[in-house]
Amino acid sequence: ASKLDGQWSEWHGYCREVQAALPLIEENVTHEGYQSPFK
C-alpha cells in the first residue's frame, strides 16, 4: 500500500457500470403473505 502506483480509472468506471446494471436482489419466488428474506 505504501508503494502502490498506477491509475485504473477506466476499469473502475466499467466496474461501476456493471455494478449498476446488476441489482443485488434478483427475481425470486415469494408467495403472497410471506416476507421476502432478501428485502
Full PDB file with SEQRES, HELIX, SHEET, SSBOND, CRYST1, ORIGX, SCALE, CONECT and MASTER records, all heavy atoms in Angstrom:
SEQRES   1 A   39  ALA SER LYS LEU ASP GLY GLN TRP SER GLU TRP HIS GLY          
SEQRES   2 A   39  TYR CYS ARG GLU VAL GLN ALA ALA LEU PRO LEU ILE GLU          
SEQRES   3 A   39  GLU ASN VAL THR HIS GLU GLY TYR GLN SER PRO PHE LYS          
HELIX    1 AA1 SER A    9  ALA A   21  1                                  13    
CRYST1    1.000    1.000    1.000  90.00  90.00  90.00 P 1           1          
ORIGX1      1.000000  0.000000  0.000000        0.00000                         
ORIGX2      0.000000  1.000000  0.000000        0.00000                         
ORIGX3      0.000000  0.000000  1.000000        0.00000                         
SCALE1      1.000000  0.000000  0.000000        0.00000                         
SCALE2      0.000000  1.000000  0.000000        0.00000                         
SCALE3      0.000000  0.000000  1.000000        0.00000                         
ATOM      1  N   ALA A   1       0.820  -1.213   0.000  1.00  0.00           N  
ATOM      2  CA  ALA A   1       0.000   0.000   0.000  1.00  0.00           C  
ATOM      3  C   ALA A   1       0.849   1.256   0.000  1.00  0.00           C  
ATOM      4  O   ALA A   1       0.506   2.255  -0.644  1.00  0.00           O  
ATOM      5  CB  ALA A   1      -0.935  -0.014   1.215  1.00  0.00           C  
ATOM      6  N   SER A   2       1.978   1.211   0.692  1.00  0.00           N  
ATOM      7  CA  SER A   2       2.842   2.402   0.769  1.00  0.00           C  
ATOM      8  C   SER A   2       3.573   2.682  -0.537  1.00  0.00           C  
ATOM      9  O   SER A   2       4.031   3.807  -0.766  1.00  0.00           O  
ATOM     10  CB  SER A   2       3.858   2.227   1.907  1.00  0.00           C  
ATOM     11  OG  SER A   2       4.798   1.198   1.588  1.00  0.00           O  
ATOM     12  N   LYS A   3       3.689   1.677  -1.428  1.00  0.00           N  
ATOM     13  CA  LYS A   3       4.436   1.839  -2.675  1.00  0.00           C  
ATOM     14  C   LYS A   3       3.549   1.771  -3.915  1.00  0.00           C  
ATOM     15  O   LYS A   3       4.048   1.848  -5.042  1.00  0.00           O  
ATOM     16  CB  LYS A   3       5.511   0.756  -2.770  1.00  0.00           C  
ATOM     17  CG  LYS A   3       6.546   0.826  -1.653  1.00  0.00           C  
ATOM     18  CD  LYS A   3       7.568  -0.298  -1.781  1.00  0.00           C  
ATOM     19  CE  LYS A   3       8.601  -0.233  -0.661  1.00  0.00           C  
ATOM     20  NZ  LYS A   3       9.599  -1.323  -0.760  1.00  0.00           N  
ATOM     21  N   LEU A   4       2.250   1.621  -3.723  1.00  0.00           N  
ATOM     22  CA  LEU A   4       1.337   1.425  -4.843  1.00  0.00           C  
ATOM     23  C   LEU A   4       1.347   2.641  -5.769  1.00  0.00           C  
ATOM     24  O   LEU A   4       1.278   3.785  -5.322  1.00  0.00           O  
ATOM     25  CB  LEU A   4      -0.079   1.182  -4.322  1.00  0.00           C  
ATOM     26  CG  LEU A   4      -1.138   0.808  -5.352  1.00  0.00           C  
ATOM     27  CD1 LEU A   4      -0.838  -0.567  -5.944  1.00  0.00           C  
ATOM     28  CD2 LEU A   4      -2.525   0.811  -4.714  1.00  0.00           C  
ATOM     29  N   ASP A   5       1.459   2.368  -7.055  1.00  0.00           N  
ATOM     30  CA  ASP A   5       1.307   3.432  -8.044  1.00  0.00           C  
ATOM     31  C   ASP A   5       0.465   2.892  -9.196  1.00  0.00           C  
ATOM     32  O   ASP A   5       0.121   1.724  -9.240  1.00  0.00           O  
ATOM     33  CB  ASP A   5       2.661   3.948  -8.538  1.00  0.00           C  
ATOM     34  CG  ASP A   5       3.565   2.839  -9.066  1.00  0.00           C  
ATOM     35  OD1 ASP A   5       3.082   1.688  -9.196  1.00  0.00           O  
ATOM     36  OD2 ASP A   5       4.737   3.116  -9.345  1.00  0.00           O  
ATOM     37  N   GLY A   6       0.097   3.765 -10.133  1.00  0.00           N  
ATOM     38  CA  GLY A   6      -0.771   3.357 -11.225  1.00  0.00           C  
ATOM     39  C   GLY A   6      -2.144   3.982 -11.087  1.00  0.00           C  
ATOM     40  O   GLY A   6      -2.533   4.466 -10.018  1.00  0.00           O  
ATOM     41  N   GLN A   7      -2.876   3.999 -12.167  1.00  0.00           N  
ATOM     42  CA  GLN A   7      -4.211   4.592 -12.182  1.00  0.00           C  
ATOM     43  C   GLN A   7      -5.111   3.734 -13.067  1.00  0.00           C  
ATOM     44  O   GLN A   7      -4.787   3.466 -14.225  1.00  0.00           O  
ATOM     45  CB  GLN A   7      -4.152   6.023 -12.714  1.00  0.00           C  
ATOM     46  CG  GLN A   7      -5.463   6.756 -12.714  1.00  0.00           C  
ATOM     47  CD  GLN A   7      -6.109   6.840 -11.336  1.00  0.00           C  
ATOM     48  OE1 GLN A   7      -7.233   6.354 -11.151  1.00  0.00           O  
ATOM     49  NE2 GLN A   7      -5.400   7.400 -10.364  1.00  0.00           N  
ATOM     50  N   TRP A   8      -6.247   3.301 -12.518  1.00  0.00           N  
ATOM     51  CA  TRP A   8      -7.134   2.384 -13.233  1.00  0.00           C  
ATOM     52  C   TRP A   8      -8.558   2.950 -13.299  1.00  0.00           C  
ATOM     53  O   TRP A   8      -9.536   2.229 -13.099  1.00  0.00           O  
ATOM     54  CB  TRP A   8      -7.115   1.021 -12.550  1.00  0.00           C  
ATOM     55  CG  TRP A   8      -5.742   0.411 -12.571  1.00  0.00           C  
ATOM     56  CD1 TRP A   8      -5.147  -0.223 -13.616  1.00  0.00           C  
ATOM     57  CD2 TRP A   8      -4.803   0.389 -11.494  1.00  0.00           C  
ATOM     58  NE1 TRP A   8      -3.891  -0.644 -13.272  1.00  0.00           N  
ATOM     59  CE2 TRP A   8      -3.638  -0.282 -11.965  1.00  0.00           C  
ATOM     60  CE3 TRP A   8      -4.802   0.874 -10.182  1.00  0.00           C  
ATOM     61  CZ2 TRP A   8      -2.514  -0.471 -11.167  1.00  0.00           C  
ATOM     62  CZ3 TRP A   8      -3.686   0.682  -9.394  1.00  0.00           C  
ATOM     63  CH2 TRP A   8      -2.559   0.018  -9.891  1.00  0.00           C  
ATOM     64  N   SER A   9      -8.677   4.234 -13.578  1.00  0.00           N  
ATOM     65  CA  SER A   9      -9.981   4.899 -13.567  1.00  0.00           C  
ATOM     66  C   SER A   9     -10.929   4.348 -14.635  1.00  0.00           C  
ATOM     67  O   SER A   9     -12.138   4.251 -14.406  1.00  0.00           O  
ATOM     68  CB  SER A   9      -9.812   6.408 -13.729  1.00  0.00           C  
ATOM     69  OG  SER A   9      -9.049   6.707 -14.886  1.00  0.00           O  
ATOM     70  N   GLU A  10     -10.405   3.965 -15.801  1.00  0.00           N  
ATOM     71  CA  GLU A  10     -11.275   3.441 -16.852  1.00  0.00           C  
ATOM     72  C   GLU A  10     -11.874   2.095 -16.427  1.00  0.00           C  
ATOM     73  O   GLU A  10     -13.072   1.844 -16.596  1.00  0.00           O  
ATOM     74  CB  GLU A  10     -10.489   3.286 -18.155  1.00  0.00           C  
ATOM     75  CG  GLU A  10     -11.345   2.836 -19.329  1.00  0.00           C  
ATOM     76  CD  GLU A  10     -10.574   2.788 -20.641  1.00  0.00           C  
ATOM     77  OE1 GLU A  10      -9.436   3.304 -20.682  1.00  0.00           O  
ATOM     78  OE2 GLU A  10     -11.109   2.223 -21.617  1.00  0.00           O  
ATOM     79  N   TRP A  11     -11.065   1.218 -15.897  1.00  0.00           N  
ATOM     80  CA  TRP A  11     -11.521  -0.078 -15.389  1.00  0.00           C  
ATOM     81  C   TRP A  11     -12.489   0.114 -14.217  1.00  0.00           C  
ATOM     82  O   TRP A  11     -13.533  -0.537 -14.139  1.00  0.00           O  
ATOM     83  CB  TRP A  11     -10.314  -0.901 -14.995  1.00  0.00           C  
ATOM     84  CG  TRP A  11     -10.508  -2.127 -14.155  1.00  0.00           C  
ATOM     85  CD1 TRP A  11      -9.887  -2.395 -12.969  1.00  0.00           C  
ATOM     86  CD2 TRP A  11     -11.334  -3.277 -14.421  1.00  0.00           C  
ATOM     87  NE1 TRP A  11     -10.268  -3.619 -12.482  1.00  0.00           N  
ATOM     88  CE2 TRP A  11     -11.152  -4.192 -13.364  1.00  0.00           C  
ATOM     89  CE3 TRP A  11     -12.197  -3.619 -15.448  1.00  0.00           C  
ATOM     90  CZ2 TRP A  11     -11.808  -5.414 -13.283  1.00  0.00           C  
ATOM     91  CZ3 TRP A  11     -12.867  -4.841 -15.378  1.00  0.00           C  
ATOM     92  CH2 TRP A  11     -12.672  -5.723 -14.308  1.00  0.00           C  
ATOM     93  N   HIS A  12     -12.166   1.051 -13.336  1.00  0.00           N  
ATOM     94  CA  HIS A  12     -13.037   1.363 -12.206  1.00  0.00           C  
ATOM     95  C   HIS A  12     -14.402   1.841 -12.699  1.00  0.00           C  
ATOM     96  O   HIS A  12     -15.451   1.441 -12.153  1.00  0.00           O  
ATOM     97  CB  HIS A  12     -12.380   2.438 -11.331  1.00  0.00           C  
ATOM     98  CG  HIS A  12     -13.167   2.812 -10.114  1.00  0.00           C  
ATOM     99  ND1 HIS A  12     -14.195   3.740 -10.143  1.00  0.00           N  
ATOM    100  CD2 HIS A  12     -13.088   2.387  -8.824  1.00  0.00           C  
ATOM    101  CE1 HIS A  12     -14.699   3.876  -8.931  1.00  0.00           C  
ATOM    102  NE2 HIS A  12     -14.044   3.062  -8.114  1.00  0.00           N  
ATOM    103  N   GLY A  13     -14.415   2.656 -13.743  1.00  0.00           N  
ATOM    104  CA  GLY A  13     -15.669   3.128 -14.305  1.00  0.00           C  
ATOM    105  C   GLY A  13     -16.504   1.992 -14.873  1.00  0.00           C  
ATOM    106  O   GLY A  13     -17.730   1.963 -14.719  1.00  0.00           O  
ATOM    107  N   TYR A  14     -15.839   1.049 -15.528  1.00  0.00           N  
ATOM    108  CA  TYR A  14     -16.548  -0.120 -16.057  1.00  0.00           C  
ATOM    109  C   TYR A  14     -17.121  -0.953 -14.913  1.00  0.00           C  
ATOM    110  O   TYR A  14     -18.252  -1.454 -15.000  1.00  0.00           O  
ATOM    111  CB  TYR A  14     -15.600  -0.958 -16.907  1.00  0.00           C  
ATOM    112  CG  TYR A  14     -16.215  -2.258 -17.395  1.00  0.00           C  
ATOM    113  CD1 TYR A  14     -17.181  -2.266 -18.390  1.00  0.00           C  
ATOM    114  CD2 TYR A  14     -15.830  -3.481 -16.843  1.00  0.00           C  
ATOM    115  CE1 TYR A  14     -17.758  -3.456 -18.831  1.00  0.00           C  
ATOM    116  CE2 TYR A  14     -16.390  -4.672 -17.273  1.00  0.00           C  
ATOM    117  CZ  TYR A  14     -17.356  -4.660 -18.269  1.00  0.00           C  
ATOM    118  OH  TYR A  14     -17.920  -5.833 -18.700  1.00  0.00           O  
ATOM    119  N   CYS A  15     -16.368  -1.111 -13.840  1.00  0.00           N  
ATOM    120  CA  CYS A  15     -16.871  -1.847 -12.671  1.00  0.00           C  
ATOM    121  C   CYS A  15     -18.132  -1.192 -12.116  1.00  0.00           C  
ATOM    122  O   CYS A  15     -19.104  -1.885 -11.761  1.00  0.00           O  
ATOM    123  CB  CYS A  15     -15.794  -1.914 -11.589  1.00  0.00           C  
ATOM    124  SG  CYS A  15     -14.365  -2.953 -11.984  1.00  0.00           S  
ATOM    125  N   ARG A  16     -18.139   0.114 -12.058  1.00  0.00           N  
ATOM    126  CA  ARG A  16     -19.331   0.828 -11.599  1.00  0.00           C  
ATOM    127  C   ARG A  16     -20.515   0.576 -12.542  1.00  0.00           C  
ATOM    128  O   ARG A  16     -21.660   0.417 -12.101  1.00  0.00           O  
ATOM    129  CB  ARG A  16     -19.044   2.328 -11.512  1.00  0.00           C  
ATOM    130  CG  ARG A  16     -18.318   2.733 -10.259  1.00  0.00           C  
ATOM    131  CD  ARG A  16     -19.292   2.912  -9.107  1.00  0.00           C  
ATOM    132  NE  ARG A  16     -18.560   3.117  -7.859  1.00  0.00           N  
ATOM    133  CZ  ARG A  16     -18.588   2.312  -6.815  1.00  0.00           C  
ATOM    134  NH1 ARG A  16     -19.282   1.188  -6.866  1.00  0.00           N  
ATOM    135  NH2 ARG A  16     -17.925   2.593  -5.726  1.00  0.00           N  
ATOM    136  N   GLU A  17     -20.243   0.546 -13.824  1.00  0.00           N  
ATOM    137  CA  GLU A  17     -21.294   0.310 -14.815  1.00  0.00           C  
ATOM    138  C   GLU A  17     -21.916  -1.076 -14.623  1.00  0.00           C  
ATOM    139  O   GLU A  17     -23.144  -1.228 -14.642  1.00  0.00           O  
ATOM    140  CB  GLU A  17     -20.703   0.436 -16.223  1.00  0.00           C  
ATOM    141  CG  GLU A  17     -21.687   0.190 -17.348  1.00  0.00           C  
ATOM    142  CD  GLU A  17     -21.002   0.224 -18.701  1.00  0.00           C  
ATOM    143  OE1 GLU A  17     -19.981   0.931 -18.848  1.00  0.00           O  
ATOM    144  OE2 GLU A  17     -21.482  -0.472 -19.629  1.00  0.00           O  
ATOM    145  N   VAL A  18     -21.074  -2.083 -14.430  1.00  0.00           N  
ATOM    146  CA  VAL A  18     -21.574  -3.447 -14.224  1.00  0.00           C  
ATOM    147  C   VAL A  18     -22.341  -3.544 -12.911  1.00  0.00           C  
ATOM    148  O   VAL A  18     -23.417  -4.160 -12.835  1.00  0.00           O  
ATOM    149  CB  VAL A  18     -20.413  -4.452 -14.266  1.00  0.00           C  
ATOM    150  CG1 VAL A  18     -20.885  -5.849 -13.883  1.00  0.00           C  
ATOM    151  CG2 VAL A  18     -19.765  -4.458 -15.640  1.00  0.00           C  
ATOM    152  N   GLN A  19     -21.819  -2.929 -11.883  1.00  0.00           N  
ATOM    153  CA  GLN A  19     -22.481  -2.942 -10.582  1.00  0.00           C  
ATOM    154  C   GLN A  19     -23.877  -2.323 -10.670  1.00  0.00           C  
ATOM    155  O   GLN A  19     -24.845  -2.851 -10.092  1.00  0.00           O  
ATOM    156  CB  GLN A  19     -21.625  -2.172  -9.569  1.00  0.00           C  
ATOM    157  CG  GLN A  19     -22.142  -2.203  -8.145  1.00  0.00           C  
ATOM    158  CD  GLN A  19     -21.278  -1.359  -7.226  1.00  0.00           C  
ATOM    159  OE1 GLN A  19     -20.928  -0.217  -7.554  1.00  0.00           O  
ATOM    160  NE2 GLN A  19     -20.903  -1.909  -6.096  1.00  0.00           N  
ATOM    161  N   ALA A  20     -23.993  -1.221 -11.401  1.00  0.00           N  
ATOM    162  CA  ALA A  20     -25.280  -0.545 -11.525  1.00  0.00           C  
ATOM    163  C   ALA A  20     -26.277  -1.341 -12.364  1.00  0.00           C  
ATOM    164  O   ALA A  20     -27.489  -1.271 -12.145  1.00  0.00           O  
ATOM    165  CB  ALA A  20     -25.074   0.841 -12.141  1.00  0.00           C  
ATOM    166  N   ALA A  21     -25.752  -2.133 -13.304  1.00  0.00           N  
ATOM    167  CA  ALA A  21     -26.629  -2.879 -14.219  1.00  0.00           C  
ATOM    168  C   ALA A  21     -27.193  -4.146 -13.596  1.00  0.00           C  
ATOM    169  O   ALA A  21     -28.186  -4.693 -14.093  1.00  0.00           O  
ATOM    170  CB  ALA A  21     -25.858  -3.227 -15.495  1.00  0.00           C  
ATOM    171  N   LEU A  22     -26.572  -4.627 -12.499  1.00  0.00           N  
ATOM    172  CA  LEU A  22     -26.973  -5.912 -11.911  1.00  0.00           C  
ATOM    173  C   LEU A  22     -27.384  -5.722 -10.456  1.00  0.00           C  
ATOM    174  O   LEU A  22     -26.539  -5.636  -9.559  1.00  0.00           O  
ATOM    175  CB  LEU A  22     -25.819  -6.914 -12.001  1.00  0.00           C  
ATOM    176  CG  LEU A  22     -25.362  -7.250 -13.424  1.00  0.00           C  
ATOM    177  CD1 LEU A  22     -24.114  -8.122 -13.383  1.00  0.00           C  
ATOM    178  CD2 LEU A  22     -26.478  -7.948 -14.197  1.00  0.00           C  
ATOM    179  N   PRO A  23     -28.674  -5.651 -10.187  1.00  0.00           N  
ATOM    180  CA  PRO A  23     -29.137  -5.449  -8.806  1.00  0.00           C  
ATOM    181  C   PRO A  23     -28.811  -6.645  -7.926  1.00  0.00           C  
ATOM    182  O   PRO A  23     -28.742  -7.782  -8.392  1.00  0.00           O  
ATOM    183  CB  PRO A  23     -30.654  -5.285  -8.975  1.00  0.00           C  
ATOM    184  CG  PRO A  23     -30.967  -6.028 -10.233  1.00  0.00           C  
ATOM    185  CD  PRO A  23     -29.776  -5.815 -11.140  1.00  0.00           C  
ATOM    186  N   LEU A  24     -28.621  -6.374  -6.638  1.00  0.00           N  
ATOM    187  CA  LEU A  24     -28.322  -7.465  -5.703  1.00  0.00           C  
ATOM    188  C   LEU A  24     -29.525  -8.388  -5.528  1.00  0.00           C  
ATOM    189  O   LEU A  24     -29.373  -9.593  -5.370  1.00  0.00           O  
ATOM    190  CB  LEU A  24     -27.902  -6.892  -4.347  1.00  0.00           C  
ATOM    191  CG  LEU A  24     -26.524  -6.236  -4.282  1.00  0.00           C  
ATOM    192  CD1 LEU A  24     -26.240  -5.755  -2.862  1.00  0.00           C  
ATOM    193  CD2 LEU A  24     -25.441  -7.195  -4.737  1.00  0.00           C  
ATOM    194  N   ILE A  25     -30.710  -7.806  -5.527  1.00  0.00           N  
ATOM    195  CA  ILE A  25     -31.914  -8.619  -5.355  1.00  0.00           C  
ATOM    196  C   ILE A  25     -32.492  -8.922  -6.727  1.00  0.00           C  
ATOM    197  O   ILE A  25     -32.967  -8.031  -7.430  1.00  0.00           O  
ATOM    198  CB  ILE A  25     -32.960  -7.906  -4.487  1.00  0.00           C  
ATOM    199  CG1 ILE A  25     -32.386  -7.633  -3.087  1.00  0.00           C  
ATOM    200  CG2 ILE A  25     -34.220  -8.754  -4.374  1.00  0.00           C  
ATOM    201  CD1 ILE A  25     -33.345  -6.921  -2.157  1.00  0.00           C  
ATOM    202  N   GLU A  26     -32.424 -10.184  -7.123  1.00  0.00           N  
ATOM    203  CA  GLU A  26     -32.966 -10.613  -8.410  1.00  0.00           C  
ATOM    204  C   GLU A  26     -34.346 -11.234  -8.201  1.00  0.00           C  
ATOM    205  O   GLU A  26     -34.819 -11.381  -7.070  1.00  0.00           O  
ATOM    206  CB  GLU A  26     -32.000 -11.588  -9.075  1.00  0.00           C  
ATOM    207  CG  GLU A  26     -30.629 -10.970  -9.350  1.00  0.00           C  
ATOM    208  CD  GLU A  26     -29.760 -11.815 -10.254  1.00  0.00           C  
ATOM    209  OE1 GLU A  26     -30.256 -12.822 -10.808  1.00  0.00           O  
ATOM    210  OE2 GLU A  26     -28.577 -11.466 -10.419  1.00  0.00           O  
ATOM    211  N   GLU A  27     -34.990 -11.605  -9.286  1.00  0.00           N  
ATOM    212  CA  GLU A  27     -36.333 -12.165  -9.192  1.00  0.00           C  
ATOM    213  C   GLU A  27     -36.287 -13.545  -8.526  1.00  0.00           C  
ATOM    214  O   GLU A  27     -35.554 -14.423  -8.949  1.00  0.00           O  
ATOM    215  CB  GLU A  27     -36.966 -12.272 -10.579  1.00  0.00           C  
ATOM    216  CG  GLU A  27     -37.365 -10.921 -11.163  1.00  0.00           C  
ATOM    217  CD  GLU A  27     -38.202 -11.065 -12.413  1.00  0.00           C  
ATOM    218  OE1 GLU A  27     -38.794 -12.153 -12.603  1.00  0.00           O  
ATOM    219  OE2 GLU A  27     -38.240 -10.108 -13.201  1.00  0.00           O  
ATOM    220  N   ASN A  28     -37.085 -13.695  -7.483  1.00  0.00           N  
ATOM    221  CA  ASN A  28     -37.211 -14.967  -6.783  1.00  0.00           C  
ATOM    222  C   ASN A  28     -38.680 -15.202  -6.448  1.00  0.00           C  
ATOM    223  O   ASN A  28     -39.487 -14.261  -6.413  1.00  0.00           O  
ATOM    224  CB  ASN A  28     -36.380 -14.955  -5.496  1.00  0.00           C  
ATOM    225  CG  ASN A  28     -34.923 -15.269  -5.734  1.00  0.00           C  
ATOM    226  OD1 ASN A  28     -34.558 -16.413  -5.960  1.00  0.00           O  
ATOM    227  ND2 ASN A  28     -34.072 -14.243  -5.697  1.00  0.00           N  
ATOM    228  N   VAL A  29     -39.014 -16.441  -6.186  1.00  0.00           N  
ATOM    229  CA  VAL A  29     -40.383 -16.795  -5.816  1.00  0.00           C  
ATOM    230  C   VAL A  29     -40.608 -16.497  -4.339  1.00  0.00           C  
ATOM    231  O   VAL A  29     -39.924 -17.044  -3.468  1.00  0.00           O  
ATOM    232  CB  VAL A  29     -40.653 -18.286  -6.102  1.00  0.00           C  
ATOM    233  CG1 VAL A  29     -42.017 -18.693  -5.545  1.00  0.00           C  
ATOM    234  CG2 VAL A  29     -40.576 -18.567  -7.592  1.00  0.00           C  
ATOM    235  N   THR A  30     -41.536 -15.589  -4.058  1.00  0.00           N  
ATOM    236  CA  THR A  30     -42.004 -15.334  -2.701  1.00  0.00           C  
ATOM    237  C   THR A  30     -43.515 -15.188  -2.785  1.00  0.00           C  
ATOM    238  O   THR A  30     -44.026 -14.178  -3.278  1.00  0.00           O  
ATOM    239  CB  THR A  30     -41.400 -14.044  -2.112  1.00  0.00           C  
ATOM    240  OG1 THR A  30     -39.976 -14.109  -2.162  1.00  0.00           O  
ATOM    241  CG2 THR A  30     -41.837 -13.858  -0.663  1.00  0.00           C  
ATOM    242  N   HIS A  31     -44.246 -16.178  -2.345  1.00  0.00           N  
ATOM    243  CA  HIS A  31     -45.697 -16.151  -2.466  1.00  0.00           C  
ATOM    244  C   HIS A  31     -46.318 -15.128  -1.512  1.00  0.00           C  
ATOM    245  O   HIS A  31     -45.709 -14.724  -0.514  1.00  0.00           O  
ATOM    246  CB  HIS A  31     -46.280 -17.541  -2.207  1.00  0.00           C  
ATOM    247  CG  HIS A  31     -45.969 -18.527  -3.295  1.00  0.00           C  
ATOM    248  ND1 HIS A  31     -45.074 -19.568  -3.121  1.00  0.00           N  
ATOM    249  CD2 HIS A  31     -46.407 -18.614  -4.576  1.00  0.00           C  
ATOM    250  CE1 HIS A  31     -44.990 -20.268  -4.259  1.00  0.00           C  
ATOM    251  NE2 HIS A  31     -45.791 -19.707  -5.152  1.00  0.00           N  
ATOM    252  N   GLU A  32     -47.531 -14.728  -1.843  1.00  0.00           N  
ATOM    253  CA  GLU A  32     -48.236 -13.706  -1.076  1.00  0.00           C  
ATOM    254  C   GLU A  32     -48.374 -14.131   0.388  1.00  0.00           C  
ATOM    255  O   GLU A  32     -48.658 -15.284   0.701  1.00  0.00           O  
ATOM    256  CB  GLU A  32     -49.618 -13.471  -1.681  1.00  0.00           C  
ATOM    257  CG  GLU A  32     -50.372 -12.318  -1.044  1.00  0.00           C  
ATOM    258  CD  GLU A  32     -51.714 -12.048  -1.720  1.00  0.00           C  
ATOM    259  OE1 GLU A  32     -51.981 -12.703  -2.759  1.00  0.00           O  
ATOM    260  OE2 GLU A  32     -52.462 -11.204  -1.216  1.00  0.00           O  
ATOM    261  N   GLY A  33     -48.174 -13.143   1.254  1.00  0.00           N  
ATOM    262  CA  GLY A  33     -48.301 -13.389   2.687  1.00  0.00           C  
ATOM    263  C   GLY A  33     -46.997 -13.730   3.368  1.00  0.00           C  
ATOM    264  O   GLY A  33     -46.928 -13.767   4.599  1.00  0.00           O  
ATOM    265  N   TYR A  34     -45.961 -13.990   2.588  1.00  0.00           N  
ATOM    266  CA  TYR A  34     -44.650 -14.307   3.150  1.00  0.00           C  
ATOM    267  C   TYR A  34     -43.701 -13.113   2.992  1.00  0.00           C  
ATOM    268  O   TYR A  34     -43.838 -12.313   2.064  1.00  0.00           O  
ATOM    269  CB  TYR A  34     -44.045 -15.526   2.464  1.00  0.00           C  
ATOM    270  CG  TYR A  34     -44.784 -16.815   2.747  1.00  0.00           C  
ATOM    271  CD1 TYR A  34     -45.657 -17.355   1.809  1.00  0.00           C  
ATOM    272  CD2 TYR A  34     -44.609 -17.484   3.954  1.00  0.00           C  
ATOM    273  CE1 TYR A  34     -46.341 -18.538   2.064  1.00  0.00           C  
ATOM    274  CE2 TYR A  34     -45.286 -18.661   4.225  1.00  0.00           C  
ATOM    275  CZ  TYR A  34     -46.151 -19.189   3.278  1.00  0.00           C  
ATOM    276  OH  TYR A  34     -46.819 -20.349   3.535  1.00  0.00           O  
ATOM    277  N   GLN A  35     -42.720 -13.039   3.887  1.00  0.00           N  
ATOM    278  CA  GLN A  35     -41.736 -11.970   3.836  1.00  0.00           C  
ATOM    279  C   GLN A  35     -40.563 -12.377   2.952  1.00  0.00           C  
ATOM    280  O   GLN A  35     -39.967 -13.442   3.159  1.00  0.00           O  
ATOM    281  CB  GLN A  35     -41.227 -11.643   5.252  1.00  0.00           C  
ATOM    282  CG  GLN A  35     -40.088 -10.644   5.296  1.00  0.00           C  
ATOM    283  CD  GLN A  35     -40.475  -9.295   4.716  1.00  0.00           C  
ATOM    284  OE1 GLN A  35     -41.515  -8.746   5.062  1.00  0.00           O  
ATOM    285  NE2 GLN A  35     -39.651  -8.770   3.824  1.00  0.00           N  
ATOM    286  N   SER A  36     -40.214 -11.534   1.985  1.00  0.00           N  
ATOM    287  CA  SER A  36     -39.023 -11.791   1.184  1.00  0.00           C  
ATOM    288  C   SER A  36     -37.796 -11.668   2.077  1.00  0.00           C  
ATOM    289  O   SER A  36     -37.544 -10.596   2.649  1.00  0.00           O  
ATOM    290  CB  SER A  36     -38.912 -10.790   0.037  1.00  0.00           C  
ATOM    291  OG  SER A  36     -37.597 -10.786  -0.490  1.00  0.00           O  
ATOM    292  N   PRO A  37     -36.991 -12.720   2.229  1.00  0.00           N  
ATOM    293  CA  PRO A  37     -35.795 -12.607   3.067  1.00  0.00           C  
ATOM    294  C   PRO A  37     -34.790 -11.623   2.486  1.00  0.00           C  
ATOM    295  O   PRO A  37     -34.055 -10.965   3.230  1.00  0.00           O  
ATOM    296  CB  PRO A  37     -35.244 -14.034   3.098  1.00  0.00           C  
ATOM    297  CG  PRO A  37     -35.805 -14.695   1.886  1.00  0.00           C  
ATOM    298  CD  PRO A  37     -37.148 -14.068   1.652  1.00  0.00           C  
ATOM    299  N   PHE A  38     -34.763 -11.513   1.160  1.00  0.00           N  
ATOM    300  CA  PHE A  38     -33.839 -10.584   0.517  1.00  0.00           C  
ATOM    301  C   PHE A  38     -34.176  -9.141   0.886  1.00  0.00           C  
ATOM    302  O   PHE A  38     -33.295  -8.342   1.232  1.00  0.00           O  
ATOM    303  CB  PHE A  38     -33.887 -10.764  -1.004  1.00  0.00           C  
ATOM    304  CG  PHE A  38     -33.372 -12.089  -1.481  1.00  0.00           C  
ATOM    305  CD1 PHE A  38     -34.233 -13.154  -1.670  1.00  0.00           C  
ATOM    306  CD2 PHE A  38     -32.022 -12.280  -1.740  1.00  0.00           C  
ATOM    307  CE1 PHE A  38     -33.768 -14.387  -2.116  1.00  0.00           C  
ATOM    308  CE2 PHE A  38     -31.540 -13.500  -2.178  1.00  0.00           C  
ATOM    309  CZ  PHE A  38     -32.416 -14.560  -2.366  1.00  0.00           C  
ATOM    310  N   LYS A  39     -35.466  -8.791   0.828  1.00  0.00           N  
ATOM    311  CA  LYS A  39     -35.868  -7.421   1.141  1.00  0.00           C  
ATOM    312  C   LYS A  39     -35.720  -7.123   2.633  1.00  0.00           C  
ATOM    313  O   LYS A  39     -35.433  -5.992   3.026  1.00  0.00           O  
ATOM    314  CB  LYS A  39     -37.298  -7.189   0.675  1.00  0.00           C  
ATOM    315  CG  LYS A  39     -37.417  -7.181  -0.842  1.00  0.00           C  
ATOM    316  CD  LYS A  39     -38.844  -6.939  -1.298  1.00  0.00           C  
ATOM    317  CE  LYS A  39     -38.927  -6.943  -2.836  1.00  0.00           C  
ATOM    318  NZ  LYS A  39     -40.323  -6.754  -3.313  1.00  0.00           N  
TER     319      LYS A  39                                                      
MASTER        0    0    0    1    0    0    0    6  318    1    0    3          
END                                                                             
